[in-house]
C-alpha atoms as a PDB file:
ATOM      1  CA  UNK A   1       0.000   0.000   0.000  1.00  0.00           C
ATOM      2  CA  UNK A   2       2.884   2.355   0.714  1.00  0.00           C
ATOM      3  CA  UNK A   3       4.560   1.684  -2.624  1.00  0.00           C
ATOM      4  CA  UNK A   4       1.428   1.670  -4.792  1.00  0.00           C
ATOM      5  CA  UNK A   5      -0.760   4.312  -3.109  1.00  0.00           C
ATOM      6  CA  UNK A   6       1.516   6.174  -0.677  1.00  0.00           C
ATOM      7  CA  UNK A   7      -0.594   4.956   2.261  1.00  0.00           C
ATOM      8  CA  UNK A   8       0.814   4.246   5.683  1.00  0.00           C
ATOM      9  CA  UNK A   9      -0.463   1.270   7.732  1.00  0.00           C
ATOM     10  CA  UNK A  10      -2.455   3.451  10.157  1.00  0.00           C
ATOM     11  CA  UNK A  11      -4.423   5.024   7.251  1.00  0.00           C
ATOM     12  CA  UNK A  12      -6.296   1.924   6.040  1.00  0.00           C
ATOM     13  CA  UNK A  13      -7.622  -1.502   6.984  1.00  0.00           C
ATOM     14  CA  UNK A  14      -7.466  -4.689   4.935  1.00  0.00           C
ATOM     15  CA  UNK A  15      -9.805  -7.682   5.116  1.00  0.00           C
ATOM     16  CA  UNK A  16      -8.823 -10.913   3.389  1.00  0.00           C
ATOM     17  CA  UNK A  17     -11.750 -12.063   1.235  1.00  0.00           C
ATOM     18  CA  UNK A  18     -10.258 -15.040  -0.583  1.00  0.00           C
ATOM     19  CA  UNK A  19      -7.073 -16.837  -1.474  1.00  0.00           C
ATOM     20  CA  UNK A  20      -7.187 -18.118  -5.057  1.00  0.00           C
ATOM     21  CA  UNK A  21      -5.054 -20.911  -6.465  1.00  0.00           C
ATOM     22  CA  UNK A  22      -5.104 -21.889 -10.150  1.00  0.00           C
ATOM     23  CA  UNK A  23      -3.168 -25.150 -10.340  1.00  0.00           C
ATOM     24  CA  UNK A  24      -3.488 -25.440 -14.130  1.00  0.00           C
ATOM     25  CA  UNK A  25      -1.845 -22.075 -14.826  1.00  0.00           C
ATOM     26  CA  UNK A  26       0.217 -22.057 -11.641  1.00  0.00           C
ATOM     27  CA  UNK A  27      -1.173 -18.692 -10.573  1.00  0.00           C
ATOM     28  CA  UNK A  28      -2.238 -17.520  -7.167  1.00  0.00           C
ATOM     29  CA  UNK A  29      -3.754 -14.365  -5.755  1.00  0.00           C
ATOM     30  CA  UNK A  30      -5.106 -12.952  -2.549  1.00  0.00           C
ATOM     31  CA  UNK A  31      -8.281 -10.855  -2.685  1.00  0.00           C
ATOM     32  CA  UNK A  32      -8.535  -8.081  -0.114  1.00  0.00           C
ATOM     33  CA  UNK A  33     -11.108  -5.435   0.721  1.00  0.00           C
ATOM     34  CA  UNK A  34      -9.328  -2.195   1.607  1.00  0.00           C
ATOM     35  CA  UNK A  35     -10.922   0.734   3.388  1.00  0.00           C
ATOM     36  CA  UNK A  36      -9.433   4.144   4.046  1.00  0.00           C
ATOM     37  CA  UNK A  37      -9.606   5.384   7.617  1.00  0.00           C
ATOM     38  CA  UNK A  38     -10.243   9.120   7.877  1.00  0.00           C
ATOM     39  CA  UNK A  39      -8.902   9.976   4.419  1.00  0.00           C
ATOM     40  CA  UNK A  40     -11.376  10.925   1.697  1.00  0.00           C
ATOM     41  CA  UNK A  41     -11.111  10.077  -1.983  1.00  0.00           C
ATOM     42  CA  UNK A  42     -10.163  13.685  -2.700  1.00  0.00           C
ATOM     43  CA  UNK A  43      -7.369  13.572  -0.128  1.00  0.00           C
ATOM     44  CA  UNK A  44      -6.048  10.347  -1.656  1.00  0.00           C
ATOM     45  CA  UNK A  45      -6.181  11.913  -5.139  1.00  0.00           C
ATOM     46  CA  UNK A  46      -4.228  14.951  -3.869  1.00  0.00           C
ATOM     47  CA  UNK A  47      -1.589  12.725  -2.294  1.00  0.00           C
ATOM     48  CA  UNK A  48      -1.208  10.670  -5.455  1.00  0.00           C
ATOM     49  CA  UNK A  49      -0.756  13.846  -7.493  1.00  0.00           C
ATOM     50  CA  UNK A  50       2.367  14.606  -5.443  1.00  0.00           C
ATOM     51  CA  UNK A  51       3.997  11.402  -6.617  1.00  0.00           C
ATOM     52  CA  UNK A  52       4.151   7.729  -5.870  1.00  0.00           C
ATOM     53  CA  UNK A  53       7.393   5.780  -5.619  1.00  0.00           C
ATOM     54  CA  UNK A  54       6.367   3.276  -8.316  1.00  0.00           C
ATOM     55  CA  UNK A  55       4.453   5.609 -10.664  1.00  0.00           C
ATOM     56  CA  UNK A  56       4.846   3.596 -13.853  1.00  0.00           C
ATOM     57  CA  UNK A  57       2.310   0.950 -12.816  1.00  0.00           C
ATOM     58  CA  UNK A  58      -0.783   3.180 -12.772  1.00  0.00           C
ATOM     59  CA  UNK A  59      -1.537   5.783 -15.408  1.00  0.00           C
ATOM     60  CA  UNK A  60      -4.891   6.681 -13.842  1.00  0.00           C
ATOM     61  CA  UNK A  61      -7.092   5.771 -10.919  1.00  0.00           C
ATOM     62  CA  UNK A  62     -10.825   6.012 -11.466  1.00  0.00           C
ATOM     63  CA  UNK A  63     -13.263   6.568  -8.634  1.00  0.00           C
ATOM     64  CA  UNK A  64     -16.596   4.707  -8.797  1.00  0.00           C
ATOM     65  CA  UNK A  65     -19.260   4.830  -6.057  1.00  0.00           C
ATOM     66  CA  UNK A  66     -19.035   1.553  -4.148  1.00  0.00           C
ATOM     67  CA  UNK A  67     -22.610   0.522  -4.863  1.00  0.00           C
ATOM     68  CA  UNK A  68     -23.423  -2.739  -6.597  1.00  0.00           C
ATOM     69  CA  UNK A  69     -25.163  -1.247  -9.639  1.00  0.00           C
ATOM     70  CA  UNK A  70     -22.467   1.397 -10.193  1.00  0.00           C
ATOM     71  CA  UNK A  71     -19.617  -1.105  -9.970  1.00  0.00           C
ATOM     72  CA  UNK A  72     -21.391  -3.627 -12.242  1.00  0.00           C
ATOM     73  CA  UNK A  73     -22.032  -0.933 -14.865  1.00  0.00           C
ATOM     74  CA  UNK A  74     -18.401   0.148 -14.654  1.00  0.00           C
ATOM     75  CA  UNK A  75     -17.111  -3.411 -15.085  1.00  0.00           C
ATOM     76  CA  UNK A  76     -19.377  -3.952 -18.096  1.00  0.00           C
ATOM     77  CA  UNK A  77     -18.681  -0.659 -19.892  1.00  0.00           C
ATOM     78  CA  UNK A  78     -17.961  -1.405 -23.575  1.00  0.00           C
ATOM     79  CA  UNK A  79     -14.596   0.371 -23.424  1.00  0.00           C
ATOM     80  CA  UNK A  80     -13.498  -1.653 -20.353  1.00  0.00           C
ATOM     81  CA  UNK A  81     -15.206  -5.042 -20.472  1.00  0.00           C
ATOM     82  CA  UNK A  82     -12.347  -6.855 -22.228  1.00  0.00           C
ATOM     83  CA  UNK A  83      -9.505  -5.083 -20.416  1.00  0.00           C
ATOM     84  CA  UNK A  84      -9.836  -6.605 -16.947  1.00  0.00           C
ATOM     85  CA  UNK A  85      -7.310  -9.017 -15.509  1.00  0.00           C
ATOM     86  CA  UNK A  86      -8.981 -12.442 -15.253  1.00  0.00           C
ATOM     87  CA  UNK A  87      -9.452 -12.257 -11.477  1.00  0.00           C
ATOM     88  CA  UNK A  88     -10.633  -8.632 -11.282  1.00  0.00           C
ATOM     89  CA  UNK A  89     -14.399  -9.261 -11.690  1.00  0.00           C
ATOM     90  CA  UNK A  90     -14.292 -11.882  -8.927  1.00  0.00           C
ATOM     91  CA  UNK A  91     -12.471  -9.470  -6.625  1.00  0.00           C
ATOM     92  CA  UNK A  92     -15.029  -6.703  -7.208  1.00  0.00           C
ATOM     93  CA  UNK A  93     -17.879  -9.169  -6.666  1.00  0.00           C
ATOM     94  CA  UNK A  94     -16.423 -10.481  -3.392  1.00  0.00           C
ATOM     95  CA  UNK A  95     -15.749  -6.957  -2.099  1.00  0.00           C
ATOM     96  CA  UNK A  96     -19.317  -5.878  -2.883  1.00  0.00           C
ATOM     97  CA  UNK A  97     -20.742  -8.990  -1.203  1.00  0.00           C
ATOM     98  CA  UNK A  98     -18.535  -8.344   1.826  1.00  0.00           C
ATOM     99  CA  UNK A  99     -20.074  -4.877   2.242  1.00  0.00           C
ATOM    100  CA  UNK A 100     -23.609  -5.150   0.807  1.00  0.00           C
ATOM    101  CA  UNK A 101     -24.580  -8.829   1.052  1.00  0.00           C
ATOM    102  CA  UNK A 102     -24.888 -11.502  -1.621  1.00  0.00           C
ATOM    103  CA  UNK A 103     -28.534 -11.191  -2.647  1.00  0.00           C
ATOM    104  CA  UNK A 104     -28.487  -7.441  -3.338  1.00  0.00           C
ATOM    105  CA  UNK A 105     -25.192  -7.705  -5.236  1.00  0.00           C
ATOM    106  CA  UNK A 106     -26.391 -10.615  -7.375  1.00  0.00           C
ATOM    107  CA  UNK A 107     -29.613  -8.770  -8.143  1.00  0.00           C
ATOM    108  CA  UNK A 108     -27.755  -5.627  -9.270  1.00  0.00           C
ATOM    109  CA  UNK A 109     -25.298  -7.650 -11.348  1.00  0.00           C
ATOM    110  CA  UNK A 110     -28.112  -9.558 -13.062  1.00  0.00           C
ATOM    111  CA  UNK A 111     -29.841  -6.274 -13.965  1.00  0.00           C
ATOM    112  CA  UNK A 112     -26.601  -4.863 -15.389  1.00  0.00           C
ATOM    113  CA  UNK A 113     -26.028  -7.983 -17.508  1.00  0.00           C
ATOM    114  CA  UNK A 114     -29.613  -7.898 -18.823  1.00  0.00           C
ATOM    115  CA  UNK A 115     -29.037  -4.312 -20.005  1.00  0.00           C
ATOM    116  CA  UNK A 116     -26.116  -5.324 -22.232  1.00  0.00           C
END
């Protein structure tokens, strides 16, 4: 978090949502839900504008309201739908379920898919 977002440990919390292991492709990942403490999105944006140690990894950071319908629409946008890393949709889904509950998230995702 320090290297990627210039955040210190006291400024955020992390909750482990899943550990993923793909034995066929020999990949693994850990899915976390991160939450800022007292810092707002605007304060994070201002900090990032002053420089991050490993700047080359992220050209932009987009802010999307963390509501099921908004996130589902963002994931399914025509200009983004084929650009996600394979595990990204699962991570967003698990994070939404962690905060909003499975039934409401699945309902919002189903509505977004029907609108395609």
